[in-house]
Amino acid sequence: MPEQAEAEDGPQARGIDRLAGFSDAVVAIAITLLAIDLPVPDGRDVGALWESVRANGGHYAAFLISFIVIAAGWHNHHRVFLSIERADRQLRVLNTAWLLAVVLNPFATRLLTTRGAQSLDAHALRFGFYAVLQVLASAVLLAIVRHSAAHGLAPGMSASSVARSARSSRRVMLGFALSIPVFFATNSAWLLWFAVPWLLKGWDRLGRRRRPRTG
């Protein structure tokens, strides 16, 4: 019987390993494409070189933001897939949707660095598209967690782990979602992408510390 169980579990284990490996490769390619688009500073002396760096500062900032966003998404994806032992059709569809959001990040990053005079509305639409993309990516990852837990794909995933992943995804989604209408009022709304999740995480920690201990 143990040998039969091992034989049945083998293809399932290899299938989830292939899915995770493929996802890792797509993420690596997306991050690499971010770096390919970086402008190379130009100048005959240090002053001119530094001026070129400053002129392209928006490109470098957009790269760092997208690198952090993709890396954080991969970290959460990797943590979830450590608990998943098998995949079904819906999980593969959800994972493909998450990868679609990942591979669109280089394109969305280029939108952030479009040069030339632009109205506040045009700026809001470009940055809003980037924010919507991140909201969708976090929502799909949350759907992966809930589907895996509900359909027995991750027997080792505890209820507390599901709740923790849900809180993390909601913080990210709220930060990006709140920035979308704010972009129509100010170009600095992108600060909410980092400020809101950070503040909500601190609030959650404070709330846990204030809860009375039982037992």
N, C-alpha and C. Protein backbone atom coordinates (compact mmCIF):
# COMPACT_ATOMS: atom_id res chain seq x y z
N MET A 1 0.81 -1.22 0.00
CA MET A 1 0.00 0.00 0.00
C MET A 1 0.85 1.28 0.00
N PRO A 2 1.89 1.39 0.84
CA PRO A 2 2.72 2.60 0.80
C PRO A 2 3.33 2.83 -0.57
N GLU A 3 3.76 1.69 -1.24
CA GLU A 3 4.37 1.85 -2.56
C GLU A 3 3.35 2.37 -3.56
N GLN A 4 2.08 1.90 -3.44
CA GLN A 4 1.04 2.35 -4.34
C GLN A 4 0.74 3.83 -4.13
N ALA A 5 0.70 4.27 -2.85
CA ALA A 5 0.45 5.67 -2.54
C ALA A 5 1.55 6.55 -3.09
N GLU A 6 2.79 6.06 -2.97
CA GLU A 6 3.92 6.83 -3.48
C GLU A 6 3.84 6.97 -4.99
N ALA A 7 3.41 5.88 -5.66
CA ALA A 7 3.29 5.92 -7.12
C ALA A 7 2.21 6.90 -7.56
N GLU A 8 1.10 6.96 -6.77
CA GLU A 8 0.02 7.88 -7.12
C GLU A 8 0.40 9.32 -6.85
N ASP A 9 1.17 9.53 -5.76
CA ASP A 9 1.53 10.90 -5.40
C ASP A 9 2.64 11.44 -6.27
N GLY A 10 3.45 10.56 -6.88
CA GLY A 10 4.59 11.01 -7.67
C GLY A 10 4.23 11.97 -8.78
N PRO A 11 3.30 11.61 -9.69
CA PRO A 11 2.92 12.54 -10.77
C PRO A 11 2.36 13.85 -10.25
N GLN A 12 1.58 13.79 -9.16
CA GLN A 12 1.02 15.01 -8.60
C GLN A 12 2.12 15.93 -8.09
N ALA A 13 3.12 15.34 -7.40
CA ALA A 13 4.23 16.13 -6.87
C ALA A 13 5.04 16.74 -8.01
N ARG A 14 5.29 15.93 -9.06
CA ARG A 14 6.05 16.46 -10.20
C ARG A 14 5.27 17.56 -10.91
N GLY A 15 3.93 17.40 -10.96
CA GLY A 15 3.11 18.41 -11.62
C GLY A 15 3.17 19.75 -10.91
N ILE A 16 3.07 19.75 -9.58
CA ILE A 16 3.12 21.02 -8.85
C ILE A 16 4.52 21.61 -8.89
N ASP A 17 5.54 20.75 -8.91
CA ASP A 17 6.92 21.25 -9.03
C ASP A 17 7.13 21.93 -10.39
N ARG A 18 6.57 21.34 -11.44
CA ARG A 18 6.69 21.96 -12.77
C ARG A 18 5.95 23.29 -12.81
N LEU A 19 4.79 23.36 -12.19
CA LEU A 19 4.02 24.60 -12.18
C LEU A 19 4.77 25.69 -11.42
N ALA A 20 5.34 25.33 -10.28
CA ALA A 20 6.09 26.31 -9.49
C ALA A 20 7.36 26.73 -10.22
N GLY A 21 8.06 25.76 -10.84
CA GLY A 21 9.28 26.07 -11.58
C GLY A 21 9.02 26.97 -12.77
N PHE A 22 7.94 26.69 -13.49
CA PHE A 22 7.57 27.53 -14.63
C PHE A 22 7.25 28.95 -14.17
N SER A 23 6.54 29.07 -13.05
CA SER A 23 6.20 30.38 -12.51
C SER A 23 7.45 31.15 -12.12
N ASP A 24 8.40 30.47 -11.48
CA ASP A 24 9.66 31.12 -11.10
C ASP A 24 10.40 31.64 -12.33
N ALA A 25 10.40 30.86 -13.40
CA ALA A 25 11.10 31.27 -14.63
C ALA A 25 10.44 32.50 -15.24
N VAL A 26 9.11 32.55 -15.25
CA VAL A 26 8.41 33.71 -15.81
C VAL A 26 8.70 34.96 -15.00
N VAL A 27 8.71 34.82 -13.68
CA VAL A 27 9.03 35.96 -12.82
C VAL A 27 10.45 36.45 -13.08
N ALA A 28 11.38 35.52 -13.21
CA ALA A 28 12.78 35.90 -13.48
C ALA A 28 12.90 36.66 -14.80
N ILE A 29 12.18 36.22 -15.82
CA ILE A 29 12.21 36.89 -17.12
C ILE A 29 11.62 38.29 -17.01
N ALA A 30 10.52 38.43 -16.28
CA ALA A 30 9.88 39.74 -16.12
C ALA A 30 10.81 40.73 -15.43
N ILE A 31 11.51 40.28 -14.39
CA ILE A 31 12.46 41.16 -13.70
C ILE A 31 13.62 41.52 -14.61
N THR A 32 14.07 40.56 -15.42
CA THR A 32 15.17 40.84 -16.35
C THR A 32 14.76 41.88 -17.38
N LEU A 33 13.52 41.78 -17.88
CA LEU A 33 13.04 42.75 -18.86
C LEU A 33 12.98 44.16 -18.28
N LEU A 34 12.74 44.26 -16.97
CA LEU A 34 12.75 45.57 -16.33
C LEU A 34 14.12 46.23 -16.48
N ALA A 35 15.18 45.43 -16.25
CA ALA A 35 16.54 45.98 -16.30
C ALA A 35 16.96 46.30 -17.73
N ILE A 36 16.48 45.55 -18.71
CA ILE A 36 16.86 45.79 -20.11
C ILE A 36 16.44 47.18 -20.56
N ASP A 37 15.32 47.67 -20.06
CA ASP A 37 14.80 48.96 -20.49
C ASP A 37 15.46 50.15 -19.78
N LEU A 38 16.36 49.90 -18.84
CA LEU A 38 16.98 51.01 -18.12
C LEU A 38 17.90 51.81 -19.04
N PRO A 39 17.79 53.14 -19.05
CA PRO A 39 18.67 53.96 -19.88
C PRO A 39 20.09 53.99 -19.30
N VAL A 40 21.07 53.99 -20.18
CA VAL A 40 22.47 54.03 -19.75
C VAL A 40 22.91 55.49 -19.65
N PRO A 41 23.43 55.93 -18.49
CA PRO A 41 23.88 57.32 -18.35
C PRO A 41 24.99 57.65 -19.34
N ASP A 42 25.00 58.89 -19.81
CA ASP A 42 25.98 59.32 -20.80
C ASP A 42 26.58 60.64 -20.36
N GLY A 43 27.87 60.85 -20.60
CA GLY A 43 28.53 62.10 -20.24
C GLY A 43 30.02 62.02 -20.40
N ARG A 44 30.64 63.16 -20.77
CA ARG A 44 32.08 63.18 -20.97
C ARG A 44 32.85 63.35 -19.67
N ASP A 45 32.19 63.86 -18.64
CA ASP A 45 32.84 64.03 -17.34
C ASP A 45 31.86 63.64 -16.25
N VAL A 46 32.33 63.74 -14.99
CA VAL A 46 31.51 63.33 -13.86
C VAL A 46 30.23 64.16 -13.76
N GLY A 47 30.37 65.46 -13.98
CA GLY A 47 29.21 66.33 -13.88
C GLY A 47 28.15 65.99 -14.91
N ALA A 48 28.58 65.77 -16.14
CA ALA A 48 27.62 65.43 -17.20
C ALA A 48 27.01 64.06 -16.96
N LEU A 49 27.84 63.15 -16.45
CA LEU A 49 27.34 61.81 -16.16
C LEU A 49 26.28 61.85 -15.06
N TRP A 50 26.56 62.62 -14.01
CA TRP A 50 25.60 62.75 -12.91
C TRP A 50 24.31 63.43 -13.37
N GLU A 51 24.44 64.41 -14.25
CA GLU A 51 23.27 65.09 -14.78
C GLU A 51 22.42 64.13 -15.59
N SER A 52 23.07 63.22 -16.34
CA SER A 52 22.34 62.22 -17.10
C SER A 52 21.59 61.27 -16.17
N VAL A 53 22.23 60.91 -15.06
CA VAL A 53 21.57 60.04 -14.07
C VAL A 53 20.34 60.74 -13.50
N ARG A 54 20.49 62.00 -13.17
CA ARG A 54 19.37 62.76 -12.61
C ARG A 54 18.23 62.89 -13.63
N ALA A 55 18.59 63.09 -14.89
CA ALA A 55 17.57 63.23 -15.94
C ALA A 55 16.77 61.95 -16.11
N ASN A 56 17.42 60.82 -15.85
CA ASN A 56 16.74 59.53 -16.00
C ASN A 56 16.30 58.95 -14.65
N GLY A 57 16.25 59.81 -13.64
CA GLY A 57 15.89 59.34 -12.30
C GLY A 57 14.54 58.66 -12.24
N GLY A 58 13.59 59.15 -13.04
CA GLY A 58 12.27 58.53 -13.05
C GLY A 58 12.30 57.09 -13.51
N HIS A 59 13.15 56.79 -14.50
CA HIS A 59 13.30 55.43 -15.00
C HIS A 59 13.85 54.51 -13.92
N TYR A 60 14.86 55.00 -13.20
CA TYR A 60 15.48 54.17 -12.16
C TYR A 60 14.51 53.95 -10.99
N ALA A 61 13.75 55.00 -10.64
CA ALA A 61 12.77 54.86 -9.56
C ALA A 61 11.67 53.87 -9.95
N ALA A 62 11.20 53.95 -11.20
CA ALA A 62 10.17 53.03 -11.67
C ALA A 62 10.68 51.59 -11.66
N PHE A 63 11.95 51.42 -12.04
CA PHE A 63 12.54 50.09 -12.01
C PHE A 63 12.55 49.53 -10.60
N LEU A 64 12.99 50.35 -9.64
CA LEU A 64 13.06 49.87 -8.25
C LEU A 64 11.67 49.53 -7.71
N ILE A 65 10.69 50.37 -8.04
CA ILE A 65 9.33 50.10 -7.57
C ILE A 65 8.82 48.78 -8.14
N SER A 66 9.00 48.58 -9.44
CA SER A 66 8.51 47.35 -10.06
C SER A 66 9.30 46.13 -9.60
N PHE A 67 10.59 46.32 -9.38
CA PHE A 67 11.40 45.21 -8.86
C PHE A 67 10.87 44.77 -7.50
N ILE A 68 10.60 45.74 -6.63
CA ILE A 68 10.08 45.43 -5.29
C ILE A 68 8.71 44.77 -5.39
N VAL A 69 7.86 45.29 -6.27
CA VAL A 69 6.51 44.75 -6.43
C VAL A 69 6.56 43.30 -6.91
N ILE A 70 7.36 43.04 -7.95
CA ILE A 70 7.44 41.68 -8.49
C ILE A 70 8.09 40.74 -7.48
N ALA A 71 9.15 41.20 -6.83
CA ALA A 71 9.84 40.36 -5.84
C ALA A 71 8.93 40.02 -4.67
N ALA A 72 8.15 41.00 -4.20
CA ALA A 72 7.23 40.74 -3.10
C ALA A 72 6.14 39.76 -3.53
N GLY A 73 5.64 39.91 -4.76
CA GLY A 73 4.64 38.98 -5.27
C GLY A 73 5.19 37.58 -5.39
N TRP A 74 6.44 37.46 -5.88
CA TRP A 74 7.06 36.14 -5.99
C TRP A 74 7.25 35.52 -4.61
N HIS A 75 7.67 36.33 -3.63
CA HIS A 75 7.86 35.82 -2.27
C HIS A 75 6.56 35.22 -1.73
N ASN A 76 5.46 35.93 -1.90
CA ASN A 76 4.17 35.42 -1.42
C ASN A 76 3.75 34.18 -2.20
N HIS A 77 3.97 34.20 -3.52
CA HIS A 77 3.64 33.05 -4.37
C HIS A 77 4.45 31.84 -3.95
N HIS A 78 5.73 32.03 -3.72
CA HIS A 78 6.61 30.93 -3.31
C HIS A 78 6.18 30.35 -1.97
N ARG A 79 5.83 31.23 -1.04
CA ARG A 79 5.41 30.77 0.29
C ARG A 79 4.12 29.94 0.20
N VAL A 80 3.20 30.37 -0.66
CA VAL A 80 1.94 29.63 -0.82
C VAL A 80 2.20 28.26 -1.44
N PHE A 81 3.04 28.22 -2.48
CA PHE A 81 3.26 26.96 -3.19
C PHE A 81 4.09 25.97 -2.40
N LEU A 82 4.72 26.40 -1.32
CA LEU A 82 5.40 25.45 -0.44
C LEU A 82 4.41 24.52 0.24
N SER A 83 3.17 25.00 0.41
CA SER A 83 2.14 24.20 1.08
C SER A 83 1.27 23.41 0.11
N ILE A 84 1.28 23.77 -1.16
CA ILE A 84 0.43 23.09 -2.14
C ILE A 84 1.09 21.80 -2.61
N GLU A 85 0.35 20.70 -2.55
CA GLU A 85 0.90 19.39 -2.90
C GLU A 85 0.40 18.87 -4.25
N ARG A 86 -0.69 19.41 -4.74
CA ARG A 86 -1.18 18.99 -6.05
C ARG A 86 -1.95 20.14 -6.68
N ALA A 87 -2.15 20.06 -7.99
CA ALA A 87 -2.83 21.12 -8.72
C ALA A 87 -4.02 20.57 -9.48
N ASP A 88 -5.06 21.37 -9.56
CA ASP A 88 -6.20 21.03 -10.42
C ASP A 88 -6.31 22.09 -11.52
N ARG A 89 -7.31 21.94 -12.34
CA ARG A 89 -7.44 22.84 -13.51
C ARG A 89 -7.63 24.28 -13.07
N GLN A 90 -8.44 24.51 -12.05
CA GLN A 90 -8.71 25.88 -11.63
C GLN A 90 -7.46 26.54 -11.06
N LEU A 91 -6.66 25.77 -10.34
CA LEU A 91 -5.42 26.33 -9.81
C LEU A 91 -4.49 26.74 -10.95
N ARG A 92 -4.41 25.92 -11.98
CA ARG A 92 -3.55 26.26 -13.12
C ARG A 92 -4.06 27.51 -13.83
N VAL A 93 -5.39 27.64 -13.93
CA VAL A 93 -5.96 28.84 -14.56
C VAL A 93 -5.64 30.08 -13.73
N LEU A 94 -5.83 29.98 -12.42
CA LEU A 94 -5.54 31.11 -11.54
C LEU A 94 -4.06 31.47 -11.59
N ASN A 95 -3.20 30.47 -11.60
CA ASN A 95 -1.77 30.74 -11.64
C ASN A 95 -1.38 31.41 -12.96
N THR A 96 -2.01 30.98 -14.05
CA THR A 96 -1.75 31.61 -15.35
C THR A 96 -2.18 33.07 -15.35
N ALA A 97 -3.31 33.36 -14.70
CA ALA A 97 -3.78 34.74 -14.60
C ALA A 97 -2.79 35.58 -13.80
N TRP A 98 -2.24 35.00 -12.72
CA TRP A 98 -1.23 35.72 -11.93
C TRP A 98 0.02 36.00 -12.76
N LEU A 99 0.43 35.02 -13.56
CA LEU A 99 1.61 35.20 -14.41
C LEU A 99 1.35 36.27 -15.48
N LEU A 100 0.12 36.36 -15.97
CA LEU A 100 -0.21 37.40 -16.94
C LEU A 100 0.03 38.78 -16.33
N ALA A 101 -0.39 38.96 -15.09
CA ALA A 101 -0.17 40.24 -14.41
C ALA A 101 1.33 40.50 -14.24
N VAL A 102 2.09 39.45 -13.98
CA VAL A 102 3.54 39.60 -13.79
C VAL A 102 4.22 40.04 -15.08
N VAL A 103 3.89 39.38 -16.19
CA VAL A 103 4.57 39.70 -17.45
C VAL A 103 4.14 41.06 -18.01
N LEU A 104 3.01 41.59 -17.55
CA LEU A 104 2.60 42.92 -17.99
C LEU A 104 3.32 44.03 -17.22
N ASN A 105 4.03 43.66 -16.16
CA ASN A 105 4.70 44.68 -15.34
C ASN A 105 5.74 45.49 -16.11
N PRO A 106 6.60 44.88 -16.95
CA PRO A 106 7.54 45.71 -17.72
C PRO A 106 6.84 46.74 -18.60
N PHE A 107 5.74 46.34 -19.25
CA PHE A 107 4.97 47.28 -20.07
C PHE A 107 4.39 48.40 -19.20
N ALA A 108 3.79 48.02 -18.06
CA ALA A 108 3.20 49.02 -17.17
C ALA A 108 4.27 49.96 -16.61
N THR A 109 5.47 49.43 -16.39
CA THR A 109 6.56 50.26 -15.89
C THR A 109 6.98 51.29 -16.92
N ARG A 110 6.99 50.90 -18.20
CA ARG A 110 7.31 51.86 -19.26
C ARG A 110 6.27 52.97 -19.33
N LEU A 111 5.02 52.64 -19.03
CA LEU A 111 3.98 53.67 -18.99
C LEU A 111 4.28 54.73 -17.93
N LEU A 112 4.88 54.30 -16.82
CA LEU A 112 5.19 55.23 -15.74
C LEU A 112 6.26 56.23 -16.14
N THR A 113 7.07 55.89 -17.14
CA THR A 113 8.22 56.73 -17.48
C THR A 113 8.05 57.43 -18.81
N THR A 114 6.82 57.55 -19.29
CA THR A 114 6.57 58.26 -20.54
C THR A 114 6.97 59.72 -20.40
N ARG A 115 7.75 60.21 -21.33
CA ARG A 115 8.26 61.58 -21.27
C ARG A 115 7.29 62.55 -21.94
N GLY A 116 7.55 63.84 -21.69
CA GLY A 116 6.77 64.88 -22.33
C GLY A 116 5.72 65.47 -21.40
N ALA A 117 5.22 66.62 -21.78
CA ALA A 117 4.19 67.29 -20.99
C ALA A 117 2.89 66.49 -21.03
N GLN A 118 2.32 66.28 -19.85
CA GLN A 118 1.10 65.48 -19.75
C GLN A 118 0.14 66.14 -18.78
N SER A 119 -1.13 65.98 -19.06
CA SER A 119 -2.15 66.48 -18.14
C SER A 119 -2.22 65.58 -16.92
N LEU A 120 -2.84 66.08 -15.87
CA LEU A 120 -2.98 65.29 -14.65
C LEU A 120 -3.84 64.06 -14.91
N ASP A 121 -4.84 64.19 -15.78
CA ASP A 121 -5.70 63.04 -16.10
C ASP A 121 -4.92 61.95 -16.82
N ALA A 122 -4.05 62.35 -17.78
CA ALA A 122 -3.24 61.35 -18.50
C ALA A 122 -2.29 60.65 -17.54
N HIS A 123 -1.71 61.43 -16.64
CA HIS A 123 -0.82 60.85 -15.63
C HIS A 123 -1.59 59.87 -14.75
N ALA A 124 -2.80 60.24 -14.37
CA ALA A 124 -3.62 59.37 -13.52
C ALA A 124 -3.97 58.07 -14.22
N LEU A 125 -4.24 58.13 -15.51
CA LEU A 125 -4.59 56.92 -16.25
C LEU A 125 -3.40 55.98 -16.36
N ARG A 126 -2.21 56.53 -16.62
CA ARG A 126 -1.02 55.68 -16.74
C ARG A 126 -0.69 55.02 -15.41
N PHE A 127 -0.66 55.80 -14.34
CA PHE A 127 -0.36 55.25 -13.03
C PHE A 127 -1.52 54.41 -12.50
N GLY A 128 -2.75 54.78 -12.90
CA GLY A 128 -3.90 53.99 -12.49
C GLY A 128 -3.88 52.60 -13.09
N PHE A 129 -3.44 52.50 -14.35
CA PHE A 129 -3.32 51.18 -14.97
C PHE A 129 -2.34 50.31 -14.20
N TYR A 130 -1.22 50.90 -13.81
CA TYR A 130 -0.21 50.16 -13.03
C TYR A 130 -0.82 49.68 -11.71
N ALA A 131 -1.57 50.57 -11.06
CA ALA A 131 -2.18 50.22 -9.77
C ALA A 131 -3.22 49.12 -9.93
N VAL A 132 -4.06 49.22 -10.97
CA VAL A 132 -5.08 48.19 -11.21
C VAL A 132 -4.41 46.84 -11.45
N LEU A 133 -3.31 46.84 -12.16
CA LEU A 133 -2.58 45.59 -12.44
C LEU A 133 -2.13 44.93 -11.15
N GLN A 134 -1.64 45.72 -10.20
CA GLN A 134 -1.17 45.16 -8.94
C GLN A 134 -2.34 44.69 -8.07
N VAL A 135 -3.45 45.39 -8.13
CA VAL A 135 -4.64 44.96 -7.40
C VAL A 135 -5.10 43.60 -7.91
N LEU A 136 -5.13 43.44 -9.23
CA LEU A 136 -5.55 42.17 -9.81
C LEU A 136 -4.59 41.05 -9.46
N ALA A 137 -3.29 41.33 -9.49
CA ALA A 137 -2.29 40.30 -9.16
C ALA A 137 -2.47 39.82 -7.72
N SER A 138 -2.67 40.76 -6.79
CA SER A 138 -2.86 40.39 -5.39
C SER A 138 -4.18 39.65 -5.18
N ALA A 139 -5.22 40.06 -5.91
CA ALA A 139 -6.51 39.39 -5.79
C ALA A 139 -6.44 37.95 -6.29
N VAL A 140 -5.73 37.74 -7.41
CA VAL A 140 -5.59 36.38 -7.95
C VAL A 140 -4.78 35.50 -6.99
N LEU A 141 -3.73 36.06 -6.41
CA LEU A 141 -2.93 35.28 -5.46
C LEU A 141 -3.76 34.90 -4.24
N LEU A 142 -4.60 35.80 -3.79
CA LEU A 142 -5.51 35.49 -2.68
C LEU A 142 -6.49 34.39 -3.09
N ALA A 143 -6.97 34.43 -4.33
CA ALA A 143 -7.87 33.39 -4.82
C ALA A 143 -7.16 32.04 -4.87
N ILE A 144 -5.87 32.04 -5.21
CA ILE A 144 -5.09 30.80 -5.22
C ILE A 144 -5.03 30.20 -3.83
N VAL A 145 -4.78 31.05 -2.83
CA VAL A 145 -4.70 30.58 -1.45
C VAL A 145 -6.03 29.97 -1.01
N ARG A 146 -7.10 30.68 -1.24
CA ARG A 146 -8.41 30.21 -0.79
C ARG A 146 -8.84 28.95 -1.54
N HIS A 147 -8.59 28.89 -2.83
CA HIS A 147 -8.96 27.70 -3.60
C HIS A 147 -8.16 26.49 -3.14
N SER A 148 -6.89 26.68 -2.90
CA SER A 148 -6.04 25.56 -2.47
C SER A 148 -6.48 25.03 -1.12
N ALA A 149 -6.80 25.94 -0.20
CA ALA A 149 -7.23 25.52 1.13
C ALA A 149 -8.60 24.86 1.10
N ALA A 150 -9.51 25.39 0.28
CA ALA A 150 -10.89 24.89 0.25
C ALA A 150 -11.01 23.54 -0.45
N HIS A 151 -10.11 23.24 -1.39
CA HIS A 151 -10.23 22.02 -2.18
C HIS A 151 -9.16 20.98 -1.83
N GLY A 152 -8.53 21.15 -0.69
CA GLY A 152 -7.59 20.14 -0.21
C GLY A 152 -6.31 20.02 -1.01
N LEU A 153 -5.95 21.07 -1.74
CA LEU A 153 -4.71 21.02 -2.52
C LEU A 153 -3.49 21.29 -1.65
N ALA A 154 -3.72 21.88 -0.48
CA ALA A 154 -2.63 22.20 0.44
C ALA A 154 -3.01 21.72 1.84
N PRO A 155 -2.85 20.42 2.11
CA PRO A 155 -3.26 19.87 3.41
C PRO A 155 -2.55 20.53 4.59
N GLY A 156 -1.33 21.01 4.36
CA GLY A 156 -0.58 21.61 5.45
C GLY A 156 -0.85 23.08 5.67
N MET A 157 -1.75 23.66 4.89
CA MET A 157 -2.04 25.09 5.01
C MET A 157 -3.08 25.28 6.10
N SER A 158 -2.70 25.92 7.18
CA SER A 158 -3.60 26.11 8.32
C SER A 158 -4.51 27.30 8.09
N ALA A 159 -5.55 27.38 8.90
CA ALA A 159 -6.48 28.50 8.80
C ALA A 159 -5.79 29.82 9.11
N SER A 160 -4.85 29.78 10.05
CA SER A 160 -4.12 31.01 10.40
C SER A 160 -3.23 31.45 9.24
N SER A 161 -2.68 30.49 8.49
CA SER A 161 -1.85 30.83 7.33
C SER A 161 -2.69 31.47 6.24
N VAL A 162 -3.90 30.93 6.02
CA VAL A 162 -4.81 31.51 5.03
C VAL A 162 -5.18 32.93 5.43
N ALA A 163 -5.48 33.12 6.71
CA ALA A 163 -5.85 34.45 7.20
C ALA A 163 -4.69 35.43 7.06
N ARG A 164 -3.48 34.96 7.32
CA ARG A 164 -2.30 35.83 7.20
C ARG A 164 -2.08 36.25 5.75
N SER A 165 -2.23 35.30 4.84
CA SER A 165 -2.09 35.63 3.42
C SER A 165 -3.18 36.59 2.96
N ALA A 166 -4.39 36.39 3.48
CA ALA A 166 -5.50 37.28 3.12
C ALA A 166 -5.23 38.70 3.60
N ARG A 167 -4.73 38.84 4.82
CA ARG A 167 -4.42 40.18 5.33
C ARG A 167 -3.34 40.85 4.49
N SER A 168 -2.31 40.09 4.14
CA SER A 168 -1.22 40.65 3.34
C SER A 168 -1.71 41.11 1.98
N SER A 169 -2.52 40.28 1.32
CA SER A 169 -3.04 40.65 0.00
C SER A 169 -3.97 41.85 0.08
N ARG A 170 -4.79 41.90 1.10
CA ARG A 170 -5.73 43.02 1.24
C ARG A 170 -5.00 44.33 1.48
N ARG A 171 -3.91 44.29 2.25
CA ARG A 171 -3.14 45.51 2.49
C ARG A 171 -2.57 46.05 1.18
N VAL A 172 -2.03 45.16 0.37
CA VAL A 172 -1.46 45.58 -0.92
C VAL A 172 -2.56 46.11 -1.84
N MET A 173 -3.67 45.38 -1.93
CA MET A 173 -4.77 45.80 -2.79
C MET A 173 -5.31 47.16 -2.37
N LEU A 174 -5.43 47.39 -1.07
CA LEU A 174 -5.97 48.66 -0.59
C LEU A 174 -5.03 49.80 -0.91
N GLY A 175 -3.72 49.57 -0.74
CA GLY A 175 -2.76 50.63 -1.03
C GLY A 175 -2.81 51.07 -2.49
N PHE A 176 -2.85 50.11 -3.40
CA PHE A 176 -2.91 50.45 -4.83
C PHE A 176 -4.29 50.98 -5.21
N ALA A 177 -5.35 50.39 -4.67
CA ALA A 177 -6.70 50.82 -5.04
C ALA A 177 -6.97 52.25 -4.59
N LEU A 178 -6.55 52.60 -3.38
CA LEU A 178 -6.79 53.95 -2.88
C LEU A 178 -6.05 55.00 -3.70
N SER A 179 -4.92 54.61 -4.28
CA SER A 179 -4.12 55.59 -5.04
C SER A 179 -4.79 55.99 -6.35
N ILE A 180 -5.65 55.14 -6.89
CA ILE A 180 -6.21 55.39 -8.23
C ILE A 180 -7.01 56.69 -8.27
N PRO A 181 -8.00 56.91 -7.40
CA PRO A 181 -8.71 58.20 -7.46
C PRO A 181 -7.84 59.38 -7.02
N VAL A 182 -6.87 59.12 -6.13
CA VAL A 182 -6.01 60.20 -5.63
C VAL A 182 -5.11 60.73 -6.73
N PHE A 183 -4.76 59.88 -7.72
CA PHE A 183 -3.90 60.33 -8.82
C PHE A 183 -4.55 61.45 -9.64
N PHE A 184 -5.87 61.54 -9.60
CA PHE A 184 -6.54 62.61 -10.33
C PHE A 184 -6.45 63.95 -9.59
N ALA A 185 -5.85 63.90 -8.37
CA ALA A 185 -5.66 65.13 -7.60
C ALA A 185 -4.20 65.50 -7.43
N THR A 186 -3.32 64.48 -7.39
CA THR A 186 -1.90 64.74 -7.18
C THR A 186 -1.05 63.65 -7.82
N ASN A 187 0.13 64.04 -8.30
CA ASN A 187 1.05 63.07 -8.89
C ASN A 187 1.76 62.22 -7.85
N SER A 188 1.64 62.60 -6.59
CA SER A 188 2.36 61.90 -5.52
C SER A 188 1.55 60.76 -4.90
N ALA A 189 0.44 60.39 -5.52
CA ALA A 189 -0.42 59.35 -4.96
C ALA A 189 0.28 58.00 -4.89
N TRP A 190 1.36 57.82 -5.67
CA TRP A 190 2.07 56.54 -5.66
C TRP A 190 2.66 56.25 -4.29
N LEU A 191 2.82 57.26 -3.46
CA LEU A 191 3.34 57.03 -2.11
C LEU A 191 2.41 56.12 -1.30
N LEU A 192 1.13 56.12 -1.65
CA LEU A 192 0.17 55.25 -0.96
C LEU A 192 0.47 53.78 -1.20
N TRP A 193 1.14 53.47 -2.32
CA TRP A 193 1.47 52.07 -2.61
C TRP A 193 2.28 51.44 -1.49
N PHE A 194 3.10 52.25 -0.85
CA PHE A 194 3.96 51.74 0.22
C PHE A 194 3.45 52.14 1.61
N ALA A 195 2.90 53.36 1.70
CA ALA A 195 2.48 53.86 3.00
C ALA A 195 1.30 53.07 3.58
N VAL A 196 0.29 52.80 2.75
CA VAL A 196 -0.91 52.12 3.25
C VAL A 196 -0.60 50.70 3.75
N PRO A 197 0.08 49.83 2.97
CA PRO A 197 0.40 48.50 3.50
C PRO A 197 1.25 48.56 4.75
N TRP A 198 2.21 49.50 4.78
CA TRP A 198 3.08 49.61 5.95
C TRP A 198 2.30 50.03 7.19
N LEU A 199 1.41 51.01 7.04
CA LEU A 199 0.60 51.46 8.17
C LEU A 199 -0.37 50.38 8.64
N LEU A 200 -1.00 49.69 7.69
CA LEU A 200 -1.95 48.64 8.06
C LEU A 200 -1.25 47.47 8.74
N LYS A 201 -0.04 47.15 8.28
CA LYS A 201 0.71 46.08 8.92
C LYS A 201 1.07 46.46 10.35
N GLY A 202 1.49 47.70 10.55
CA GLY A 202 1.78 48.16 11.90
C GLY A 202 0.55 48.16 12.78
N TRP A 203 -0.60 48.52 12.19
CA TRP A 203 -1.85 48.52 12.95
C TRP A 203 -2.23 47.10 13.36
N ASP A 204 -2.04 46.15 12.47
CA ASP A 204 -2.33 44.75 12.79
C ASP A 204 -1.45 44.26 13.93
N ARG A 205 -0.17 44.59 13.87
CA ARG A 205 0.76 44.17 14.93
C ARG A 205 0.37 44.79 16.27
N LEU A 206 -0.01 46.06 16.24
CA LEU A 206 -0.43 46.73 17.46
C LEU A 206 -1.69 46.09 18.02
N GLY A 207 -2.62 45.73 17.14
CA GLY A 207 -3.84 45.09 17.59
C GLY A 207 -3.58 43.73 18.23
N ARG A 208 -2.63 42.96 17.66
CA ARG A 208 -2.31 41.66 18.24
C ARG A 208 -1.65 41.80 19.61
N ARG A 209 -0.86 42.83 19.79
CA ARG A 209 -0.21 43.04 21.08
C ARG A 209 -1.20 43.43 22.17
N ARG A 210 -2.26 44.12 21.76
CA ARG A 210 -3.24 44.58 22.73
C ARG A 210 -4.23 43.51 23.12
N ARG A 211 -4.31 42.43 22.34
CA ARG A 211 -5.27 41.38 22.66
C ARG A 211 -4.83 40.67 23.94
N PRO A 212 -5.79 40.44 24.84
CA PRO A 212 -5.43 39.73 26.08
C PRO A 212 -5.06 38.29 25.81
N ARG A 213 -4.03 37.85 26.47
CA ARG A 213 -3.59 36.45 26.30
C ARG A 213 -4.46 35.53 27.13
N THR A 214 -4.82 34.41 26.54
CA THR A 214 -5.65 33.42 27.23
C THR A 214 -4.81 32.23 27.64
N GLY A 215 -5.24 31.56 28.65
CA GLY A 215 -4.50 30.38 29.12
C GLY A 215 -3.36 30.77 29.99
